[in-house]
Amino acid sequence: MTNPTPRATQRPANFTPPEHWTNDPAPAPQPIVQGEDPDGLDPTRFGDWEKNGIAIDF
């Protein structure tokens, strides 16, 4: 592929955005709050659950 198709950089002139579209900036991420875990298992540590030393997914 020597000449890839160029990407559109502007919307067509007749495009009207829906009313629910906004230009508000994205909210800042909030820090993770660790909660109490009675079993001592933390599924957010690696994104998996760990049981008997083995990480398992659902």
N, C-alpha and C. Protein backbone atom coordinates (compact mmCIF):
# COMPACT_ATOMS: atom_id res chain seq x y z
N MET A 1 0.86 -1.17 0.00
CA MET A 1 0.00 0.00 0.00
C MET A 1 0.91 1.23 0.00
N THR A 2 0.98 1.90 -1.10
CA THR A 2 1.86 3.06 -1.20
C THR A 2 1.15 4.36 -0.87
N ASN A 3 -0.12 4.49 -1.25
CA ASN A 3 -0.88 5.71 -0.98
C ASN A 3 -2.15 5.36 -0.20
N PRO A 4 -2.13 5.43 1.13
CA PRO A 4 -3.36 5.14 1.88
C PRO A 4 -4.41 6.22 1.64
N THR A 5 -5.65 5.85 1.84
CA THR A 5 -6.75 6.80 1.68
C THR A 5 -6.62 7.90 2.72
N PRO A 6 -6.65 9.17 2.31
CA PRO A 6 -6.53 10.25 3.31
C PRO A 6 -7.76 10.30 4.20
N ARG A 7 -7.54 10.66 5.45
CA ARG A 7 -8.63 10.78 6.41
C ARG A 7 -9.32 12.12 6.25
N ALA A 8 -10.61 12.14 6.53
CA ALA A 8 -11.36 13.40 6.51
C ALA A 8 -10.94 14.23 7.71
N THR A 9 -10.65 15.50 7.49
CA THR A 9 -10.24 16.37 8.59
C THR A 9 -11.33 17.38 8.93
N GLN A 10 -12.35 17.44 8.12
CA GLN A 10 -13.46 18.36 8.39
C GLN A 10 -14.77 17.63 8.12
N ARG A 11 -15.81 18.04 8.83
CA ARG A 11 -17.13 17.46 8.59
C ARG A 11 -17.71 18.09 7.33
N PRO A 12 -18.63 17.39 6.69
CA PRO A 12 -19.29 17.97 5.52
C PRO A 12 -20.02 19.26 5.90
N ALA A 13 -20.16 20.16 4.94
CA ALA A 13 -20.78 21.47 5.20
C ALA A 13 -22.21 21.34 5.69
N ASN A 14 -22.93 20.31 5.26
CA ASN A 14 -24.35 20.18 5.64
C ASN A 14 -24.53 19.40 6.94
N PHE A 15 -23.45 19.11 7.69
CA PHE A 15 -23.55 18.36 8.94
C PHE A 15 -24.06 19.26 10.05
N THR A 16 -25.08 18.80 10.77
CA THR A 16 -25.60 19.49 11.95
C THR A 16 -25.47 18.56 13.14
N PRO A 17 -24.70 18.94 14.17
CA PRO A 17 -24.55 18.05 15.32
C PRO A 17 -25.87 17.92 16.09
N PRO A 18 -26.13 16.77 16.69
CA PRO A 18 -27.33 16.61 17.50
C PRO A 18 -27.31 17.55 18.70
N GLU A 19 -28.47 17.82 19.25
CA GLU A 19 -28.58 18.77 20.36
C GLU A 19 -27.84 18.31 21.61
N HIS A 20 -27.70 16.98 21.80
CA HIS A 20 -27.07 16.49 23.03
C HIS A 20 -25.55 16.57 22.96
N TRP A 21 -24.96 16.89 21.82
CA TRP A 21 -23.51 17.03 21.72
C TRP A 21 -23.07 18.32 22.40
N THR A 22 -21.96 18.25 23.14
CA THR A 22 -21.43 19.44 23.78
C THR A 22 -19.93 19.51 23.52
N ASN A 23 -19.35 20.63 23.80
CA ASN A 23 -17.91 20.81 23.69
C ASN A 23 -17.28 20.95 25.07
N ASP A 24 -17.98 20.48 26.10
CA ASP A 24 -17.45 20.54 27.46
C ASP A 24 -16.19 19.69 27.55
N PRO A 25 -15.20 20.13 28.32
CA PRO A 25 -14.00 19.30 28.48
C PRO A 25 -14.32 18.03 29.28
N ALA A 26 -13.53 17.00 29.06
CA ALA A 26 -13.71 15.74 29.77
C ALA A 26 -13.42 15.97 31.26
N PRO A 27 -14.16 15.31 32.16
CA PRO A 27 -13.89 15.50 33.58
C PRO A 27 -12.54 14.89 33.97
N ALA A 28 -11.94 15.47 34.98
CA ALA A 28 -10.66 14.96 35.47
C ALA A 28 -10.89 13.61 36.17
N PRO A 29 -9.97 12.66 35.98
CA PRO A 29 -10.15 11.37 36.65
C PRO A 29 -10.06 11.50 38.17
N GLN A 30 -10.87 10.72 38.86
CA GLN A 30 -10.88 10.73 40.31
C GLN A 30 -9.97 9.62 40.83
N PRO A 31 -9.31 9.83 41.96
CA PRO A 31 -8.46 8.76 42.52
C PRO A 31 -9.31 7.57 42.98
N ILE A 32 -8.72 6.39 42.92
CA ILE A 32 -9.41 5.18 43.36
C ILE A 32 -9.44 5.14 44.88
N VAL A 33 -10.61 4.84 45.42
CA VAL A 33 -10.77 4.74 46.87
C VAL A 33 -10.86 3.26 47.22
N GLN A 34 -9.92 2.78 48.01
CA GLN A 34 -9.93 1.39 48.42
C GLN A 34 -10.95 1.19 49.53
N GLY A 35 -11.79 0.18 49.37
CA GLY A 35 -12.80 -0.12 50.38
C GLY A 35 -12.38 -1.30 51.23
N GLU A 36 -13.20 -1.60 52.20
CA GLU A 36 -12.96 -2.76 53.06
C GLU A 36 -13.23 -4.03 52.27
N ASP A 37 -12.34 -5.01 52.38
CA ASP A 37 -12.54 -6.30 51.74
C ASP A 37 -12.35 -7.38 52.79
N PRO A 38 -13.45 -7.97 53.28
CA PRO A 38 -13.34 -8.92 54.39
C PRO A 38 -12.52 -10.17 54.05
N ASP A 39 -12.47 -10.56 52.77
CA ASP A 39 -11.72 -11.76 52.39
C ASP A 39 -10.26 -11.46 52.09
N GLY A 40 -9.91 -10.18 52.01
CA GLY A 40 -8.54 -9.82 51.69
C GLY A 40 -8.23 -9.94 50.21
N LEU A 41 -9.24 -10.17 49.39
CA LEU A 41 -9.05 -10.25 47.94
C LEU A 41 -9.35 -8.89 47.33
N ASP A 42 -8.46 -8.41 46.51
CA ASP A 42 -8.66 -7.11 45.88
C ASP A 42 -8.70 -7.30 44.37
N PRO A 43 -9.90 -7.28 43.74
CA PRO A 43 -9.98 -7.53 42.31
C PRO A 43 -9.38 -6.41 41.47
N THR A 44 -9.15 -5.24 42.06
CA THR A 44 -8.60 -4.14 41.27
C THR A 44 -7.08 -4.14 41.24
N ARG A 45 -6.44 -5.05 41.97
CA ARG A 45 -4.99 -5.04 42.03
C ARG A 45 -4.39 -5.30 40.65
N PHE A 46 -4.83 -6.34 39.98
CA PHE A 46 -4.35 -6.65 38.64
C PHE A 46 -5.50 -6.71 37.64
N GLY A 47 -6.71 -6.36 38.05
CA GLY A 47 -7.86 -6.48 37.19
C GLY A 47 -8.45 -7.88 37.21
N ASP A 48 -7.90 -8.77 38.02
CA ASP A 48 -8.37 -10.15 38.15
C ASP A 48 -8.62 -10.44 39.62
N TRP A 49 -9.30 -11.53 39.87
CA TRP A 49 -9.43 -12.05 41.22
C TRP A 49 -8.29 -13.03 41.43
N GLU A 50 -7.81 -13.12 42.63
CA GLU A 50 -6.76 -14.08 42.96
C GLU A 50 -7.31 -15.04 44.01
N LYS A 51 -7.15 -16.35 43.76
CA LYS A 51 -7.61 -17.36 44.70
C LYS A 51 -6.54 -18.44 44.78
N ASN A 52 -6.03 -18.67 45.97
CA ASN A 52 -4.98 -19.65 46.20
C ASN A 52 -3.74 -19.38 45.32
N GLY A 53 -3.44 -18.11 45.14
CA GLY A 53 -2.25 -17.75 44.36
C GLY A 53 -2.44 -17.80 42.86
N ILE A 54 -3.66 -18.09 42.39
CA ILE A 54 -3.93 -18.16 40.96
C ILE A 54 -4.90 -17.04 40.59
N ALA A 55 -4.54 -16.24 39.57
CA ALA A 55 -5.42 -15.17 39.11
C ALA A 55 -6.49 -15.78 38.20
N ILE A 56 -7.75 -15.42 38.46
CA ILE A 56 -8.84 -15.96 37.65
C ILE A 56 -9.67 -14.81 37.12
N ASP A 57 -10.21 -14.98 35.93
CA ASP A 57 -11.13 -14.03 35.32
C ASP A 57 -12.52 -14.61 35.35
N PHE A 58 -13.49 -13.78 35.13
CA PHE A 58 -14.87 -14.26 35.10
C PHE A 58 -15.36 -14.31 33.70
